[in-house]
Protein backbone atom coordinates (compact mmCIF):
# COMPACT_ATOMS: atom_id res chain seq x y z
CA MET A 1 -108.77 99.97 60.37
CA GLY A 2 -111.75 101.45 58.59
CA LYS A 3 -114.66 100.23 60.77
CA ARG A 4 -117.85 102.19 60.47
CA THR A 5 -118.90 104.02 63.64
CA SER A 6 -122.23 104.92 65.10
CA GLU A 7 -121.19 108.58 65.32
CA PRO A 8 -123.15 110.96 63.09
CA ALA A 9 -121.61 112.37 59.93
CA LEU A 10 -119.26 115.32 60.29
CA THR A 11 -120.97 118.48 59.06
CA ASP A 12 -119.96 122.10 59.42
CA LYS A 13 -122.58 122.52 62.13
CA ARG A 14 -121.25 119.53 64.08
CA LEU A 15 -117.63 120.55 63.57
CA ARG A 16 -118.26 123.98 65.02
CA SER A 17 -119.84 122.40 68.11
CA LEU A 18 -117.10 119.82 68.82
CA VAL A 19 -115.00 120.31 71.95
CA CYS A 20 -112.32 118.18 73.55
CA PRO A 21 -113.61 116.28 76.62
CA GLU A 22 -112.38 117.65 79.90
CA GLY A 23 -109.18 116.05 81.19
CA LYS A 24 -107.90 115.03 77.70
CA SER A 25 -105.27 116.75 75.56
CA PHE A 26 -107.20 115.78 72.42
CA HIS A 27 -110.05 113.60 71.19
CA ASP A 28 -110.76 111.99 67.79
CA PHE A 29 -114.25 112.30 66.30
CA ARG A 30 -114.99 109.96 63.43
CA ASP A 31 -117.29 110.27 60.47
CA SER A 32 -119.81 107.57 59.61
CA ASP A 33 -119.83 108.60 55.93
CA ARG A 34 -116.09 108.73 55.28
CA ARG A 35 -113.98 105.63 55.73
CA ASN A 36 -110.76 106.06 57.74
CA PHE A 37 -111.33 109.80 58.11
CA PHE A 38 -111.56 111.67 61.44
CA VAL A 39 -111.10 115.07 63.00
CA ARG A 40 -108.87 115.55 66.04
CA VAL A 41 -110.01 118.27 68.43
CA TYR A 42 -107.34 119.55 70.79
CA ALA A 43 -107.95 120.91 74.27
CA THR A 44 -106.31 124.15 73.17
CA GLY A 45 -108.95 124.62 70.45
CA PRO A 46 -107.52 123.59 67.03
CA LYS A 47 -109.40 121.03 64.91
CA VAL A 48 -107.37 119.01 62.41
CA PHE A 49 -108.46 116.55 59.71
CA PHE A 50 -106.64 113.19 59.47
CA TYR A 51 -106.87 110.22 57.10
CA ARG A 52 -105.61 106.68 57.69
CA TYR A 53 -104.20 104.55 54.89
CA ARG A 54 -102.14 101.41 54.49
CA SER A 55 -98.54 102.08 53.48
CA PRO A 56 -97.20 100.49 50.27
CA TYR A 57 -94.09 99.50 52.27
CA PRO A 58 -92.36 97.13 52.60
CA LYS A 59 -92.43 96.47 48.87
CA GLY A 60 -93.57 92.96 47.98
CA ALA A 61 -95.02 92.24 51.43
CA PRO A 62 -98.62 91.00 51.83
CA VAL A 63 -101.11 93.80 52.39
CA ALA A 64 -101.84 92.65 55.93
CA GLN A 65 -98.17 93.10 56.85
CA ARG A 66 -98.00 96.70 55.70
CA PRO A 67 -98.48 99.28 58.47
CA VAL A 68 -101.45 101.60 58.82
CA ARG A 69 -100.29 105.24 58.88
CA THR A 70 -102.06 108.52 59.49
CA ALA A 71 -101.72 111.54 57.20
CA ARG A 72 -102.57 115.07 58.31
CA LEU A 73 -104.86 116.70 55.74
CA GLY A 74 -105.17 120.20 57.22
CA SER A 75 -106.67 122.25 60.02
CA TYR A 76 -110.32 123.27 60.00
CA PRO A 77 -111.33 125.85 58.82
CA GLU A 78 -108.01 127.73 58.29
CA GLU A 79 -106.35 125.31 55.86
CA MET A 80 -109.25 123.20 54.66
CA GLY A 81 -113.03 123.04 54.74
CA LEU A 82 -115.16 119.93 54.48
CA GLY A 83 -115.45 120.54 50.75
CA GLY A 84 -111.72 119.85 50.28
CA VAL A 85 -111.59 116.60 52.26
CA LYS A 86 -112.67 114.30 49.42
CA ALA A 87 -110.00 115.64 47.03
CA ALA A 88 -107.30 115.46 49.73
CA MET A 89 -108.18 111.84 50.52
CA ALA A 90 -108.14 111.00 46.80
CA LYS A 91 -104.62 112.43 46.44
CA VAL A 92 -103.38 110.26 49.32
CA ASP A 93 -105.02 107.19 47.74
CA ALA A 94 -103.47 108.04 44.33
CA LEU A 95 -99.99 108.25 45.82
CA VAL A 96 -100.42 104.91 47.60
CA ALA A 97 -101.76 103.31 44.42
CA ALA A 98 -98.67 104.58 42.59
CA GLY A 99 -96.42 102.94 45.17
CA ALA A 100 -95.46 106.09 47.09
CA ASP A 101 -96.08 106.66 50.78
CA PRO A 102 -97.47 110.19 51.44
CA LEU A 103 -95.41 110.36 54.64
CA GLY A 104 -92.30 108.96 52.97
CA PRO A 105 -90.82 105.48 53.35
CA PRO A 106 -90.76 104.31 57.00
CA GLN A 107 -87.41 104.95 58.62
CA GLU A 108 -85.10 102.09 59.47
CA GLY A 109 -86.39 100.32 62.56
CA GLN A 110 -90.01 101.36 61.98
CA LYS A 111 -92.63 98.88 60.91
CA GLY A 112 -92.69 98.70 57.13
CA ALA A 113 -89.16 100.07 56.69
CA THR A 114 -87.45 99.31 53.38
CA ARG A 115 -85.09 96.37 53.41
CA PRO A 116 -81.39 97.26 53.88
CA GLY A 117 -79.53 97.79 50.63
CA ARG A 118 -82.49 99.24 48.72
CA VAL A 119 -81.53 102.39 46.81
CA GLY A 120 -84.26 104.98 46.44
CA ALA A 121 -84.40 108.63 45.44
CA PRO A 122 -82.04 110.82 47.49
CA VAL A 123 -83.56 112.50 50.49
CA VAL A 124 -84.04 116.23 50.03
CA VAL A 125 -83.37 118.31 53.13
CA ASP A 126 -84.77 121.80 53.09
CA ASP A 127 -82.07 124.40 53.51
CA GLY A 128 -83.20 126.89 56.17
CA PRO A 129 -82.65 130.03 54.06
CA ARG A 130 -84.50 128.37 51.17
CA ALA A 131 -87.59 127.21 53.11
CA ALA A 132 -89.50 130.49 52.72
CA GLN A 133 -88.47 130.76 49.06
CA LEU A 134 -89.69 127.21 48.39
CA ALA A 135 -93.04 127.95 50.04
CA ALA A 136 -93.44 131.13 47.97
CA LEU A 137 -92.70 129.31 44.69
CA LEU A 138 -94.33 125.93 45.27
CA GLY A 139 -97.17 126.90 47.59
CA PRO A 140 -97.65 126.57 51.36
CA GLY A 141 -98.20 123.35 53.24
CA PRO A 142 -96.44 119.98 53.27
CA ILE A 143 -95.21 118.53 49.97
CA LEU A 144 -96.31 114.95 49.36
CA PRO A 145 -93.48 112.53 48.54
CA GLY A 146 -93.58 111.44 44.91
CA SER A 147 -95.75 114.37 43.88
CA PHE A 148 -94.88 116.97 41.27
CA GLY A 149 -94.24 119.40 44.13
CA ASP A 150 -91.60 116.97 45.38
CA LEU A 151 -90.03 116.83 41.90
CA ALA A 152 -90.04 120.62 41.63
CA LYS A 153 -88.45 121.01 45.07
CA ARG A 154 -85.68 118.56 44.25
CA TYR A 155 -85.09 120.25 40.88
CA LEU A 156 -84.73 123.66 42.53
CA LEU A 157 -82.49 122.53 45.39
CA GLN A 158 -80.30 120.09 43.50
CA HIS A 159 -80.07 121.62 40.03
CA VAL A 160 -81.55 125.09 39.42
CA TRP A 161 -80.14 127.06 42.34
CA PRO A 162 -76.68 125.44 42.29
CA THR A 163 -76.17 125.75 38.51
CA PHE A 164 -78.44 128.45 36.98
CA ARG A 165 -76.99 131.95 36.84
CA ARG A 166 -80.42 133.46 36.14
CA PRO A 167 -83.05 131.14 37.67
CA ARG A 168 -85.93 133.64 37.70
CA GLU A 169 -87.68 132.41 34.53
CA MET A 170 -87.45 128.77 35.61
CA GLU A 171 -88.72 129.68 39.09
CA ALA A 172 -91.73 131.43 37.54
CA ALA A 173 -92.42 128.44 35.28
CA LEU A 174 -92.17 125.97 38.18
CA SER A 175 -94.53 128.14 40.22
CA GLN A 176 -97.10 127.99 37.41
CA MET A 177 -96.64 124.22 37.05
CA CYS A 178 -97.15 123.76 40.79
CA SER A 179 -100.33 125.84 40.73
CA ALA A 180 -101.70 123.16 38.38
CA TRP A 181 -99.97 119.93 39.47
CA ARG A 182 -98.44 120.45 42.93
CA ASP A 183 -100.09 117.46 44.65
CA GLU A 184 -100.44 115.26 41.57
CA VAL A 185 -98.40 112.05 41.40
CA ALA A 186 -95.41 113.09 39.27
CA SER A 187 -95.42 109.96 37.12
CA SER A 188 -99.15 110.40 36.36
CA ILE A 189 -98.62 113.70 34.50
CA ARG A 190 -99.00 113.12 30.78
CA LYS A 191 -98.93 115.03 27.51
CA GLY A 192 -102.50 116.27 27.99
CA HIS A 193 -101.58 117.95 31.26
CA ALA A 194 -98.56 119.63 29.67
CA LYS A 195 -100.59 120.74 26.65
CA ALA A 196 -103.19 122.38 28.88
CA LEU A 197 -100.46 124.46 30.53
CA VAL A 198 -98.88 125.37 27.19
CA ASN A 199 -102.29 126.28 25.75
CA HIS A 200 -102.78 128.73 28.63
CA TRP A 201 -100.32 130.95 26.74
CA LYS A 202 -101.05 129.79 23.20
CA LEU A 203 -104.73 130.77 23.44
CA ARG A 204 -103.65 134.25 24.54
CA ASP A 205 -101.50 134.56 21.41
CA LYS A 206 -98.33 134.54 23.53
CA MET A 207 -96.44 132.01 21.47
CA THR A 208 -93.01 132.79 22.91
CA ALA A 209 -94.30 132.10 26.44
CA ALA A 210 -95.98 128.89 25.17
CA ARG A 211 -92.76 127.63 23.57
CA ARG A 212 -90.74 128.40 26.67
CA MET A 213 -93.26 126.68 28.94
CA ARG A 214 -92.97 123.54 26.79
CA THR A 215 -89.17 123.77 27.08
CA TYR A 216 -89.25 124.25 30.86
CA ILE A 217 -91.62 121.32 31.40
CA GLY A 218 -89.29 119.15 29.31
CA MET A 219 -86.25 120.29 31.30
CA VAL A 220 -87.84 119.40 34.65
CA PHE A 221 -88.96 115.93 33.60
CA ASN A 222 -85.77 115.12 31.69
CA TRP A 223 -83.82 115.93 34.83
CA GLY A 224 -86.12 113.75 36.96
CA ILE A 225 -85.84 110.86 34.49
CA GLY A 226 -82.06 111.19 34.43
CA GLU A 227 -81.92 111.18 38.23
CA ASP A 228 -84.04 107.98 38.32
CA LEU A 229 -86.35 109.58 40.86
CA PHE A 230 -88.94 107.95 43.09
CA ASP A 231 -89.78 104.36 43.88
CA GLU A 232 -91.01 101.56 41.69
CA GLY A 233 -94.57 102.19 40.66
CA ASN A 234 -93.96 105.94 40.60
CA ARG A 235 -90.65 106.10 38.73
CA LEU A 236 -90.44 108.87 36.16
CA GLU A 237 -90.18 107.38 32.69
CA VAL A 238 -92.17 109.71 30.41
CA ASN A 239 -91.54 113.33 29.52
CA PRO A 240 -95.03 114.87 29.07
CA ALA A 241 -93.65 117.72 26.94
CA ALA A 242 -92.32 115.33 24.29
CA GLY A 243 -94.32 115.47 21.08
CA ILE A 244 -96.05 118.83 21.69
CA ARG A 245 -96.01 120.45 18.26
CA ASP A 246 -97.56 123.33 16.32
CA LEU A 247 -95.98 126.17 18.29
CA GLY A 248 -94.07 127.66 15.38
CA ARG A 249 -90.67 129.30 15.60
CA GLU A 250 -89.73 132.11 17.93
CA ARG A 251 -90.24 135.41 16.15
CA ARG A 252 -87.07 137.27 15.22
CA ARG A 253 -87.13 140.78 16.63
CA THR A 254 -86.32 143.49 14.08
CA ASP A 255 -87.80 146.61 15.69
CA HIS A 256 -85.47 149.55 16.35
CA LEU A 257 -85.59 153.35 16.30
CA GLN A 258 -84.99 155.38 13.15
CA ASP A 259 -82.93 158.59 13.29
CA ALA A 260 -85.94 160.89 13.73
CA GLU A 261 -87.31 158.68 16.50
CA ILE A 262 -83.91 158.60 18.22
CA GLY A 263 -83.86 162.39 18.46
CA THR A 264 -87.45 162.54 19.66
CA PHE A 265 -86.82 159.81 22.24
CA TRP A 266 -83.65 161.49 23.56
CA ARG A 267 -85.37 164.86 23.99
CA ALA A 268 -88.35 163.20 25.74
CA CYS A 269 -85.91 161.66 28.22
CA GLN A 270 -84.24 165.03 28.78
CA ALA A 271 -87.61 166.64 29.54
CA ARG A 272 -88.38 164.36 32.47
CA ALA A 273 -87.59 165.77 35.90
CA GLY A 274 -87.43 164.65 39.54
CA GLY A 275 -87.15 160.91 40.17
CA HIS A 276 -87.94 160.31 36.49
CA ALA A 277 -84.63 161.93 35.54
CA VAL A 278 -82.69 158.92 36.92
CA THR A 279 -84.70 156.33 34.99
CA SER A 280 -84.55 158.46 31.84
CA ALA A 281 -80.75 158.71 32.17
CA ALA A 282 -80.57 154.91 32.42
CA LEU A 283 -82.39 154.58 29.09
CA GLN A 284 -80.16 157.20 27.47
CA LEU A 285 -77.07 155.32 28.63
CA LEU A 286 -78.57 152.06 27.37
CA LEU A 287 -78.95 153.56 23.88
CA LEU A 288 -75.46 155.09 23.93
CA LEU A 289 -73.47 152.18 25.37
CA VAL A 290 -75.33 149.40 23.49
CA GLN A 291 -75.22 146.98 26.42
CA ARG A 292 -77.93 144.69 27.82
CA PRO A 293 -80.65 146.40 29.89
CA GLY A 294 -79.99 144.41 33.08
CA GLU A 295 -76.27 145.20 32.89
CA VAL A 296 -76.94 148.93 32.62
CA TYR A 297 -79.65 149.07 35.29
CA GLN A 298 -77.40 147.37 37.87
CA MET A 299 -74.30 149.43 37.10
CA LYS A 300 -72.24 150.24 40.20
CA TRP A 301 -70.02 153.26 40.74
CA SER A 302 -67.18 150.94 41.79
CA GLU A 303 -67.18 149.36 38.31
CA ILE A 304 -66.29 152.67 36.63
CA ARG A 305 -62.55 153.27 36.33
CA GLY A 306 -61.67 156.37 34.39
CA GLU A 307 -63.12 156.12 30.89
CA TRP A 308 -63.95 152.44 31.15
CA TRP A 309 -66.83 150.59 32.77
CA HIS A 310 -65.95 147.01 33.72
CA ILE A 311 -69.02 144.75 33.78
CA PRO A 312 -68.12 141.81 36.06
CA GLY A 313 -68.20 138.28 34.68
CA GLY A 314 -68.09 134.86 36.32
CA LYS A 315 -70.88 133.07 38.17
CA GLY A 316 -71.59 136.07 40.36
CA GLY A 317 -71.31 138.60 37.55
CA ARG A 318 -73.85 140.08 35.18
CA THR A 319 -72.55 139.33 31.70
CA LYS A 320 -74.48 136.70 29.76
CA ASN A 321 -71.35 134.86 28.62
CA GLU A 322 -69.70 135.09 32.10
CA LEU A 323 -66.73 137.04 30.66
CA GLU A 324 -65.72 140.39 32.16
CA HIS A 325 -66.59 143.06 29.62
CA PRO A 326 -64.84 146.47 29.49
CA VAL A 327 -67.04 149.19 27.95
CA PHE A 328 -65.56 152.49 26.80
CA LEU A 329 -67.40 155.55 28.18
CA PRO A 330 -67.39 158.38 25.61
CA PRO A 331 -67.71 161.99 26.82
CA LEU A 332 -71.53 161.97 26.46
CA ALA A 333 -71.74 158.94 28.78
CA LEU A 334 -69.56 160.70 31.36
CA GLU A 335 -71.83 163.76 31.15
CA ILE A 336 -74.87 161.58 31.89
CA LEU A 337 -73.09 159.91 34.82
CA ASP A 338 -72.06 163.29 36.29
CA ARG A 339 -75.67 164.43 36.05
CA VAL A 340 -76.91 161.31 37.82
CA ARG A 341 -74.28 161.57 40.57
CA ALA A 342 -75.35 165.17 41.24
CA ALA A 343 -78.99 164.05 41.50
CA VAL A 344 -78.68 160.91 43.66
CA GLY A 345 -75.22 161.04 45.23
CA ALA A 346 -72.59 158.31 45.19
CA GLY A 347 -74.33 155.25 46.64
CA VAL A 348 -73.64 151.70 45.53
CA TYR A 349 -75.74 151.71 42.36
CA VAL A 350 -75.65 154.34 39.66
CA PHE A 351 -79.41 154.09 39.07
CA PRO A 352 -81.18 153.57 42.43
CA SER A 353 -84.90 152.97 42.24
CA PRO A 354 -86.90 156.14 42.95
CA ARG A 355 -89.59 153.97 44.56
CA LEU A 356 -87.34 152.27 47.12
CA SER A 357 -85.43 153.82 49.98
CA ASP A 358 -82.83 151.07 50.46
CA GLY A 359 -80.69 152.03 47.46
CA SER A 360 -81.73 149.02 45.35
CA PRO A 361 -81.29 149.50 41.60
CA VAL A 362 -84.13 150.06 39.16
CA THR A 363 -85.78 146.85 37.93
CA VAL A 364 -86.27 145.53 34.41
CA THR A 365 -90.05 145.48 34.88
CA GLY A 366 -90.13 149.05 36.15
CA MET A 367 -87.91 150.27 33.34
CA ASN A 368 -90.12 148.60 30.74
CA SER A 369 -92.99 150.70 32.07
CA VAL A 370 -90.86 153.87 32.03
CA TYR A 371 -89.78 153.18 28.46
CA ASN A 372 -93.38 152.71 27.28
CA ASP A 373 -94.43 155.95 29.02
CA ILE A 374 -91.65 157.86 27.25
CA CYS A 375 -92.54 156.34 23.86
CA ARG A 376 -96.19 157.30 24.25
CA ALA A 377 -95.24 160.82 25.36
CA ALA A 378 -92.90 161.16 22.37
CA GLY A 379 -95.45 159.77 19.91
CA ILE A 380 -93.32 156.72 19.08
CA ALA A 381 -95.47 153.71 18.17
CA CYS A 382 -94.99 150.86 20.63
CA GLU A 383 -98.44 149.25 20.66
CA PRO A 384 -100.07 146.79 20.80
CA LYS A 385 -96.95 144.86 21.84
CA PRO A 386 -94.24 147.17 23.20
CA TRP A 387 -90.84 145.86 22.22
CA GLY A 388 -89.16 147.28 25.29
CA PRO A 389 -85.80 148.86 26.09
CA HIS A 390 -83.86 146.01 24.48
CA GLY A 391 -84.73 147.65 21.16
CA LEU A 392 -82.43 150.54 22.16
CA ARG A 393 -79.51 148.08 22.20
CA ARG A 394 -80.62 146.79 18.79
CA THR A 395 -80.76 150.39 17.58
CA GLY A 396 -77.20 151.14 18.69
CA SER A 397 -75.89 147.88 17.22
CA THR A 398 -77.55 148.66 13.87
CA LYS A 399 -76.11 152.18 13.81
CA LEU A 400 -72.58 150.88 14.47
CA SER A 401 -72.93 148.63 11.44
CA GLU A 402 -74.26 151.54 9.34
CA LEU A 403 -71.23 153.58 10.40
CA GLY A 404 -69.01 150.99 8.70
CA PHE A 405 -67.84 148.84 11.60
CA SER A 406 -67.55 145.11 10.90
CA ASP A 407 -69.70 142.49 12.58
CA GLU A 408 -66.61 141.41 14.49
CA ILE A 409 -66.21 144.86 16.10
CA VAL A 410 -69.97 145.23 16.71
CA ASP A 411 -69.94 141.84 18.47
CA ALA A 412 -66.99 142.98 20.57
CA VAL A 413 -68.85 146.15 21.60
CA THR A 414 -72.06 144.27 22.43
CA ASN A 415 -70.19 141.39 24.13
CA HIS A 416 -71.43 138.61 21.87
CA VAL A 417 -69.22 135.54 21.95
CA LYS A 418 -67.04 134.89 18.92
CA ARG A 419 -68.46 132.31 16.55
CA GLY A 420 -66.91 128.98 15.60
CA VAL A 421 -63.23 128.24 16.12
CA ARG A 422 -62.42 131.96 16.36
CA ARG A 423 -63.44 131.98 20.01
CA ASN A 424 -60.69 129.44 20.73
CA TYR A 425 -57.94 131.04 18.66
CA ASN A 426 -58.74 134.76 18.58
CA LEU A 427 -58.41 136.14 22.11
CA ASN A 428 -58.12 139.79 21.06
CA ALA A 429 -60.19 142.07 23.36
CA TYR A 430 -60.43 144.82 20.68
CA ARG A 431 -60.13 147.65 23.22
CA PRO A 432 -58.81 150.30 20.75
CA GLU A 433 -61.38 149.25 18.15
CA LYS A 434 -64.21 149.41 20.68
CA GLN A 435 -63.08 152.87 21.75
CA ARG A 436 -63.11 154.12 18.16
CA ALA A 437 -66.52 152.57 17.55
CA MET A 438 -68.06 154.19 20.65
CA LEU A 439 -66.62 157.60 19.80
CA ALA A 440 -68.00 157.34 16.26
CA TRP A 441 -71.46 156.32 17.55
CA GLU A 442 -71.39 159.16 20.10
CA GLY A 443 -70.59 161.70 17.38
CA HIS A 444 -73.39 160.39 15.16
CA LEU A 445 -75.83 160.41 18.09
CA ARG A 446 -74.96 164.01 18.95
CA SER A 447 -75.64 165.06 15.34
CA ILE A 448 -79.02 163.29 15.45
CA ILE A 449 -79.94 164.99 18.73
CA ALA A 450 -78.87 168.43 17.42
CA GLY A 451 -80.80 167.99 14.20
């Protein structure tokens, strides 16, 4: 292994000229300047970079008894140019130095296989339907065993997707982590690495995103430490997010519409026509029903039974607390729904996206944009940091309190869980009280609109 050859160094000019000798299926061309590195040229045309290394297995065996293995670095020039070879070789060497084999531990019966009885990290098998999703989140190409990409893949397959009801934020955070650390040895990531990723948001004055990134990094590594992942020499023992300070507290949101702004906003929604009428109606219903934006946007016609809208709970539902939530629909809400049904018909979703033809509902991101457009058109200040449609829910909740309803009834309307021991002993659904509250808010809203 590793003998120098008399062949000239591999350059782009030489690589372009290499061809497989006639009669062979492939031929290996070595590089006099790079130890244990070669390019394999196939008779069918592809050229692929390879790198040989000595496996760290079996653990405790003399170096000479450990097998030499060959790692595929990437095809030339589609996946990798000569400029990326040095970094790719260094990553393989770093994994080996940390006690991890880039190709995984040799299987039983192979040279270098782990002794029977050894317990290592559980093998992760890619689920077919998840393979494309993993590649989109973690990046294309093979994931090196023991790398952060390996940790992220295990975390998604074994913890996030089976247990998270709303995994989108964690998926986005893992994608950003992988863009920085995908091929790094997981146990080599330290506080400085985590701080650099947190500072990406902090320096942009996005403190909420910075705090959440710190939390997500901590969650991933705490899970890996708890699972006792990877082999000796690369075992996770340190959480790099621990000790990151000076991020302040998450800002409490207090922004909501005043009466004059409510009337202006409502009339601006009414003035929009065409496909905009559907999205405007969604925002009007959000203000009137005081529910969460995602719950309103994904409302289905099948969930409406008479004067009540039943938001499904459970793992497959949409409520935040996983409890089914009945919402009373006052006459103004029924008028809005009748108007929407006349405009879009009775498909699955009440508010289908005007940009998509498959009947999918409007999205949170799209509705944020619609809301900001309406605010600007109505002259309602929402810059430099628009507070978004969730402020409409805050507005309705505030008005219910101003109308004299107790916090207990407001929480019942907005589907906030009961606090303390009351949630164990008070199982009242408050349906009559919620109905009275919604009728009172509807009457007050109509007077605002008329004024």
